[in-house]
């Protein structure tokens, strides 16, 4: 059953992932970082680390390994600073 609905579904998912989701991820991280500011609470920094971790996972699963590593490095830096 490779035609019809299945094919349309696969193509739509690829279009959404490649054209909308993946390009939006760095913007989300940048906006989150900008919103933190100097006096951000520990909870806010922890939430930002969670976002970076999740973005790293999505990027890694989509073959974007170097950007994923950069996001995980950010997570590590935040979590070490919170200790």
Protein backbone atom coordinates (compact mmCIF):
# COMPACT_ATOMS: atom_id res chain seq x y z
CA UNK A 1 0.00 0.00 0.00
CA UNK A 2 2.57 2.55 -1.15
CA UNK A 3 0.28 4.78 -3.18
CA UNK A 4 -2.62 7.05 -2.44
CA UNK A 5 -3.09 8.09 1.16
CA UNK A 6 0.17 6.55 2.42
CA UNK A 7 2.28 8.37 -0.14
CA UNK A 8 0.50 11.67 0.51
CA UNK A 9 1.00 11.23 4.26
CA UNK A 10 4.74 10.53 3.87
CA UNK A 11 5.20 13.53 1.57
CA UNK A 12 3.24 15.84 3.88
CA UNK A 13 5.25 14.79 6.91
CA UNK A 14 8.52 15.38 5.05
CA UNK A 15 7.30 18.78 3.86
CA UNK A 16 6.31 19.85 7.38
CA UNK A 17 9.49 18.51 8.96
CA UNK A 18 11.93 19.93 6.41
CA UNK A 19 10.11 23.13 5.55
CA UNK A 20 8.72 24.21 8.88
CA UNK A 21 9.80 22.27 11.97
CA UNK A 22 13.56 21.92 11.49
CA UNK A 23 14.10 25.55 10.39
CA UNK A 24 12.00 26.79 13.34
CA UNK A 25 14.02 24.99 16.02
CA UNK A 26 17.04 27.32 16.12
CA UNK A 27 14.69 30.30 16.25
CA UNK A 28 12.90 28.83 19.27
CA UNK A 29 16.19 28.29 21.08
CA UNK A 30 17.39 31.82 20.28
CA UNK A 31 14.13 33.36 21.50
CA UNK A 32 14.28 31.29 24.67
CA UNK A 33 17.89 32.35 25.32
CA UNK A 34 17.05 36.01 24.67
CA UNK A 35 14.14 35.84 27.10
CA UNK A 36 16.36 34.50 29.88
CA UNK A 37 18.37 37.65 30.46
CA UNK A 38 21.02 38.13 33.13
CA UNK A 39 18.86 37.55 36.19
CA UNK A 40 17.02 34.46 34.99
CA UNK A 41 15.80 32.13 37.69
CA UNK A 42 17.20 28.66 38.10
CA UNK A 43 13.87 27.22 36.94
CA UNK A 44 13.93 29.34 33.77
CA UNK A 45 17.49 28.27 32.95
CA UNK A 46 16.54 24.64 33.60
CA UNK A 47 13.58 24.98 31.20
CA UNK A 48 15.89 26.45 28.57
CA UNK A 49 18.25 23.50 29.05
CA UNK A 50 15.30 21.12 28.57
CA UNK A 51 14.39 22.90 25.33
CA UNK A 52 17.98 22.66 24.06
CA UNK A 53 18.06 18.97 24.95
CA UNK A 54 14.83 18.30 23.06
CA UNK A 55 15.96 20.30 20.04
CA UNK A 56 19.22 18.34 20.04
CA UNK A 57 17.30 15.06 20.00
CA UNK A 58 15.12 16.15 17.07
CA UNK A 59 18.10 17.41 15.10
CA UNK A 60 20.07 14.22 15.78
CA UNK A 61 17.17 12.03 14.68
CA UNK A 62 17.05 13.99 11.43
CA UNK A 63 20.73 13.58 10.63
CA UNK A 64 21.86 17.01 11.81
CA UNK A 65 24.47 15.72 14.24
CA UNK A 66 26.76 18.76 14.57
CA UNK A 67 23.93 21.18 15.46
CA UNK A 68 22.59 18.56 17.87
CA UNK A 69 25.96 18.38 19.62
CA UNK A 70 26.04 22.17 19.92
CA UNK A 71 22.65 22.14 21.65
CA UNK A 72 23.73 19.36 24.00
CA UNK A 73 26.87 21.34 24.83
CA UNK A 74 24.61 24.22 25.83
CA UNK A 75 22.64 21.85 28.07
CA UNK A 76 25.84 20.68 29.72
CA UNK A 77 27.03 24.24 30.34
CA UNK A 78 23.68 25.27 31.87
CA UNK A 79 23.40 22.18 34.07
CA UNK A 80 26.97 22.53 35.32
CA UNK A 81 26.33 26.17 36.16
CA UNK A 82 23.22 25.19 38.11
CA UNK A 83 25.10 22.74 40.34
